[in-house]
C-alpha atoms as a PDB file:
ATOM      1  CA  UNK A   1      22.948  14.821 -31.683  1.00  0.00           C
ATOM      2  CA  UNK A   2      22.918  18.441 -32.818  1.00  0.00           C
ATOM      3  CA  UNK A   3      25.764  20.467 -34.344  1.00  0.00           C
ATOM      4  CA  UNK A   4      26.135  24.189 -33.664  1.00  0.00           C
ATOM      5  CA  UNK A   5      28.525  27.096 -33.983  1.00  0.00           C
ATOM      6  CA  UNK A   6      29.141  29.724 -31.316  1.00  0.00           C
ATOM      7  CA  UNK A   7      30.856  32.911 -32.459  1.00  0.00           C
ATOM      8  CA  UNK A   8      32.270  35.824 -30.526  1.00  0.00           C
ATOM      9  CA  UNK A   9      32.537  38.906 -32.740  1.00  0.00           C
ATOM     10  CA  UNK A  10      35.085  41.316 -31.284  1.00  0.00           C
ATOM     11  CA  UNK A  11      36.425  44.812 -31.923  1.00  0.00           C
ATOM     12  CA  UNK A  12      38.228  47.493 -29.923  1.00  0.00           C
ATOM     13  CA  UNK A  13      38.063  45.653 -26.592  1.00  0.00           C
ATOM     14  CA  UNK A  14      34.371  44.830 -26.950  1.00  0.00           C
ATOM     15  CA  UNK A  15      32.442  41.659 -27.801  1.00  0.00           C
ATOM     16  CA  UNK A  16      29.087  41.562 -29.564  1.00  0.00           C
ATOM     17  CA  UNK A  17      26.672  39.706 -27.309  1.00  0.00           C
ATOM     18  CA  UNK A  18      23.022  38.783 -27.676  1.00  0.00           C
ATOM     19  CA  UNK A  19      20.571  38.999 -24.809  1.00  0.00           C
ATOM     20  CA  UNK A  20      18.204  36.116 -25.625  1.00  0.00           C
ATOM     21  CA  UNK A  21      14.802  37.637 -24.943  1.00  0.00           C
ATOM     22  CA  UNK A  22      12.830  37.491 -28.221  1.00  0.00           C
ATOM     23  CA  UNK A  23      12.578  33.895 -29.431  1.00  0.00           C
ATOM     24  CA  UNK A  24       9.731  31.664 -28.246  1.00  0.00           C
ATOM     25  CA  UNK A  25      10.681  28.441 -26.422  1.00  0.00           C
ATOM     26  CA  UNK A  26      14.360  29.431 -26.326  1.00  0.00           C
ATOM     27  CA  UNK A  27      16.456  27.145 -24.109  1.00  0.00           C
ATOM     28  CA  UNK A  28      18.741  30.185 -23.662  1.00  0.00           C
ATOM     29  CA  UNK A  29      15.939  32.598 -22.661  1.00  0.00           C
ATOM     30  CA  UNK A  30      17.242  35.432 -20.489  1.00  0.00           C
ATOM     31  CA  UNK A  31      20.890  34.479 -21.001  1.00  0.00           C
ATOM     32  CA  UNK A  32      23.557  36.430 -22.860  1.00  0.00           C
ATOM     33  CA  UNK A  33      25.480  34.576 -25.550  1.00  0.00           C
ATOM     34  CA  UNK A  34      27.636  34.944 -28.592  1.00  0.00           C
ATOM     35  CA  UNK A  35      26.127  34.476 -32.036  1.00  0.00           C
ATOM     36  CA  UNK A  36      25.630  31.203 -33.839  1.00  0.00           C
ATOM     37  CA  UNK A  37      23.296  28.336 -34.292  1.00  0.00           C
ATOM     38  CA  UNK A  38      22.448  25.011 -35.818  1.00  0.00           C
ATOM     39  CA  UNK A  39      24.104  23.627 -38.937  1.00  0.00           C
ATOM     40  CA  UNK A  40      22.100  23.392 -42.135  1.00  0.00           C
ATOM     41  CA  UNK A  41      22.453  20.323 -44.362  1.00  0.00           C
ATOM     42  CA  UNK A  42      25.902  20.109 -45.956  1.00  0.00           C
ATOM     43  CA  UNK A  43      27.445  23.125 -44.192  1.00  0.00           C
ATOM     44  CA  UNK A  44      30.994  23.233 -42.910  1.00  0.00           C
ATOM     45  CA  UNK A  45      31.574  24.779 -39.474  1.00  0.00           C
ATOM     46  CA  UNK A  46      32.889  27.943 -41.127  1.00  0.00           C
ATOM     47  CA  UNK A  47      29.928  28.202 -43.506  1.00  0.00           C
ATOM     48  CA  UNK A  48      27.507  27.789 -40.599  1.00  0.00           C
ATOM     49  CA  UNK A  49      29.323  30.418 -38.532  1.00  0.00           C
ATOM     50  CA  UNK A  50      29.351  32.962 -41.376  1.00  0.00           C
ATOM     51  CA  UNK A  51      25.657  32.371 -42.175  1.00  0.00           C
ATOM     52  CA  UNK A  52      24.527  32.532 -38.546  1.00  0.00           C
ATOM     53  CA  UNK A  53      26.476  35.722 -37.803  1.00  0.00           C
ATOM     54  CA  UNK A  54      25.003  37.357 -40.933  1.00  0.00           C
ATOM     55  CA  UNK A  55      21.444  36.222 -40.100  1.00  0.00           C
ATOM     56  CA  UNK A  56      21.607  37.247 -36.439  1.00  0.00           C
ATOM     57  CA  UNK A  57      23.568  40.492 -36.727  1.00  0.00           C
ATOM     58  CA  UNK A  58      23.803  41.619 -40.357  1.00  0.00           C
ATOM     59  CA  UNK A  59      27.603  41.475 -40.116  1.00  0.00           C
ATOM     60  CA  UNK A  60      29.689  39.629 -42.704  1.00  0.00           C
ATOM     61  CA  UNK A  61      32.575  37.720 -41.132  1.00  0.00           C
ATOM     62  CA  UNK A  62      35.875  38.109 -42.981  1.00  0.00           C
ATOM     63  CA  UNK A  63      38.168  36.113 -40.722  1.00  0.00           C
ATOM     64  CA  UNK A  64      37.299  33.232 -38.398  1.00  0.00           C
ATOM     65  CA  UNK A  65      39.599  31.779 -35.770  1.00  0.00           C
ATOM     66  CA  UNK A  66      38.560  28.428 -34.362  1.00  0.00           C
ATOM     67  CA  UNK A  67      39.169  28.280 -30.632  1.00  0.00           C
ATOM     68  CA  UNK A  68      37.600  25.018 -29.603  1.00  0.00           C
ATOM     69  CA  UNK A  69      35.082  22.244 -29.791  1.00  0.00           C
ATOM     70  CA  UNK A  70      32.540  21.901 -26.983  1.00  0.00           C
ATOM     71  CA  UNK A  71      30.387  18.955 -25.942  1.00  0.00           C
ATOM     72  CA  UNK A  72      27.144  19.403 -23.982  1.00  0.00           C
ATOM     73  CA  UNK A  73      25.641  15.967 -23.194  1.00  0.00           C
ATOM     74  CA  UNK A  74      21.809  15.919 -23.229  1.00  0.00           C
ATOM     75  CA  UNK A  75      21.837  19.739 -23.050  1.00  0.00           C
ATOM     76  CA  UNK A  76      18.211  20.258 -24.069  1.00  0.00           C
ATOM     77  CA  UNK A  77      16.990  17.192 -22.190  1.00  0.00           C
ATOM     78  CA  UNK A  78      17.043  15.057 -25.341  1.00  0.00           C
ATOM     79  CA  UNK A  79      20.165  15.630 -27.437  1.00  0.00           C
ATOM     80  CA  UNK A  80      23.895  15.954 -27.111  1.00  0.00           C
ATOM     81  CA  UNK A  81      25.024  19.318 -28.483  1.00  0.00           C
ATOM     82  CA  UNK A  82      28.403  19.666 -30.206  1.00  0.00           C
ATOM     83  CA  UNK A  83      29.606  23.225 -30.708  1.00  0.00           C
ATOM     84  CA  UNK A  84      32.428  24.718 -32.802  1.00  0.00           C
ATOM     85  CA  UNK A  85      33.754  27.805 -31.001  1.00  0.00           C
ATOM     86  CA  UNK A  86      34.976  30.773 -33.090  1.00  0.00           C
ATOM     87  CA  UNK A  87      36.326  34.293 -32.650  1.00  0.00           C
ATOM     88  CA  UNK A  88      35.684  36.795 -35.434  1.00  0.00           C
ATOM     89  CA  UNK A  89      37.635  40.037 -35.367  1.00  0.00           C
ATOM     90  CA  UNK A  90      37.393  41.029 -39.023  1.00  0.00           C
ATOM     91  CA  UNK A  91      33.960  41.788 -40.423  1.00  0.00           C
ATOM     92  CA  UNK A  92      31.971  44.369 -42.342  1.00  0.00           C
ATOM     93  CA  UNK A  93      28.394  45.567 -42.455  1.00  0.00           C
ATOM     94  CA  UNK A  94      25.919  47.268 -40.161  1.00  0.00           C
ATOM     95  CA  UNK A  95      24.085  45.729 -37.217  1.00  0.00           C
ATOM     96  CA  UNK A  96      20.456  44.765 -37.760  1.00  0.00           C
ATOM     97  CA  UNK A  97      17.647  44.194 -35.281  1.00  0.00           C
ATOM     98  CA  UNK A  98      17.924  40.479 -34.477  1.00  0.00           C
ATOM     99  CA  UNK A  99      14.830  38.262 -34.242  1.00  0.00           C
ATOM    100  CA  UNK A 100      16.367  36.217 -31.418  1.00  0.00           C
ATOM    101  CA  UNK A 101      17.521  38.858 -28.977  1.00  0.00           C
ATOM    102  CA  UNK A 102      18.975  42.274 -28.338  1.00  0.00           C
ATOM    103  CA  UNK A 103      22.508  42.834 -29.618  1.00  0.00           C
ATOM    104  CA  UNK A 104      24.948  44.905 -27.615  1.00  0.00           C
ATOM    105  CA  UNK A 105      28.685  45.590 -27.698  1.00  0.00           C
ATOM    106  CA  UNK A 106      29.977  44.708 -24.212  1.00  0.00           C
ATOM    107  CA  UNK A 107      33.368  45.743 -22.838  1.00  0.00           C
ATOM    108  CA  UNK A 108      35.476  42.587 -22.597  1.00  0.00           C
ATOM    109  CA  UNK A 109      36.204  43.236 -18.915  1.00  0.00           C
ATOM    110  CA  UNK A 110      32.422  43.265 -18.226  1.00  0.00           C
ATOM    111  CA  UNK A 111      31.540  39.981 -19.989  1.00  0.00           C
ATOM    112  CA  UNK A 112      31.705  37.903 -16.811  1.00  0.00           C
ATOM    113  CA  UNK A 113      29.152  40.248 -15.180  1.00  0.00           C
ATOM    114  CA  UNK A 114      26.448  39.113 -17.632  1.00  0.00           C
ATOM    115  CA  UNK A 115      23.846  36.399 -17.038  1.00  0.00           C
ATOM    116  CA  UNK A 116      25.772  33.620 -18.811  1.00  0.00           C
ATOM    117  CA  UNK A 117      25.574  29.859 -18.676  1.00  0.00           C
ATOM    118  CA  UNK A 118      28.043  28.718 -16.002  1.00  0.00           C
ATOM    119  CA  UNK A 119      30.194  26.889 -18.552  1.00  0.00           C
ATOM    120  CA  UNK A 120      30.573  30.095 -20.574  1.00  0.00           C
ATOM    121  CA  UNK A 121      32.588  31.586 -17.701  1.00  0.00           C
ATOM    122  CA  UNK A 122      35.067  28.744 -18.248  1.00  0.00           C
ATOM    123  CA  UNK A 123      35.397  28.530 -22.026  1.00  0.00           C
ATOM    124  CA  UNK A 124      35.202  32.264 -22.735  1.00  0.00           C
ATOM    125  CA  UNK A 125      38.657  32.532 -21.124  1.00  0.00           C
ATOM    126  CA  UNK A 126      39.956  30.474 -24.049  1.00  0.00           C
ATOM    127  CA  UNK A 127      39.022  33.137 -26.597  1.00  0.00           C
ATOM    128  CA  UNK A 128      42.256  35.092 -26.059  1.00  0.00           C
ATOM    129  CA  UNK A 129      44.531  32.056 -26.009  1.00  0.00           C
ATOM    130  CA  UNK A 130      46.561  30.840 -28.977  1.00  0.00           C
ATOM    131  CA  UNK A 131      45.545  27.234 -28.327  1.00  0.00           C
ATOM    132  CA  UNK A 132      42.743  24.944 -29.374  1.00  0.00           C
ATOM    133  CA  UNK A 133      40.569  23.569 -26.560  1.00  0.00           C
ATOM    134  CA  UNK A 134      38.029  20.819 -26.273  1.00  0.00           C
ATOM    135  CA  UNK A 135      35.598  20.844 -23.408  1.00  0.00           C
ATOM    136  CA  UNK A 136      32.755  18.806 -21.997  1.00  0.00           C
ATOM    137  CA  UNK A 137      30.104  20.628 -19.965  1.00  0.00           C
ATOM    138  CA  UNK A 138      27.430  18.590 -18.199  1.00  0.00           C
ATOM    139  CA  UNK A 139      24.273  20.394 -17.077  1.00  0.00           C
ATOM    140  CA  UNK A 140      21.410  19.115 -14.967  1.00  0.00           C
ATOM    141  CA  UNK A 141      18.250  21.232 -14.866  1.00  0.00           C
ATOM    142  CA  UNK A 142      20.162  24.291 -16.060  1.00  0.00           C
ATOM    143  CA  UNK A 143      23.042  23.976 -13.585  1.00  0.00           C
ATOM    144  CA  UNK A 144      26.610  23.002 -14.479  1.00  0.00           C
ATOM    145  CA  UNK A 145      27.362  19.806 -12.545  1.00  0.00           C
ATOM    146  CA  UNK A 146      30.601  18.651 -14.176  1.00  0.00           C
ATOM    147  CA  UNK A 147      33.122  19.830 -16.714  1.00  0.00           C
ATOM    148  CA  UNK A 148      36.497  18.897 -18.172  1.00  0.00           C
ATOM    149  CA  UNK A 149      38.746  20.243 -20.889  1.00  0.00           C
ATOM    150  CA  UNK A 150      41.897  19.608 -22.889  1.00  0.00           C
ATOM    151  CA  UNK A 151      44.174  22.112 -24.555  1.00  0.00           C
ATOM    152  CA  UNK A 152      46.345  21.555 -27.601  1.00  0.00           C
END
């Protein structure tokens, strides 16, 4: 089991996305994603989100809104991944050159045109909703084969 955060930093109708093209042996290679990553020992979801956004973008999150909790059974072929989903619309700082990919502000109405994981097209619609969602996304050899969700 692995714990992660996934954060969508937003401003003025745009979302900061990372094109995953720099990191060796990246399960997300070639995909676009929000920011985030694996928990360090003792971190809360919020602490992990703030640290990962700072490390990957140079931005300092000032306000986090939790939007959901995602389950990806055996996502990497070995482990279940559990992901806390956040939106960040208050932050400060200047963008840095990320070691994991190329950062780009994408117009929100163009997000679904990107090379995303299939499940992202489903849960990214939750980012603008005032509800909490849980979702389970089952992949087989990189393809989404089953999914379900609940909203609260």
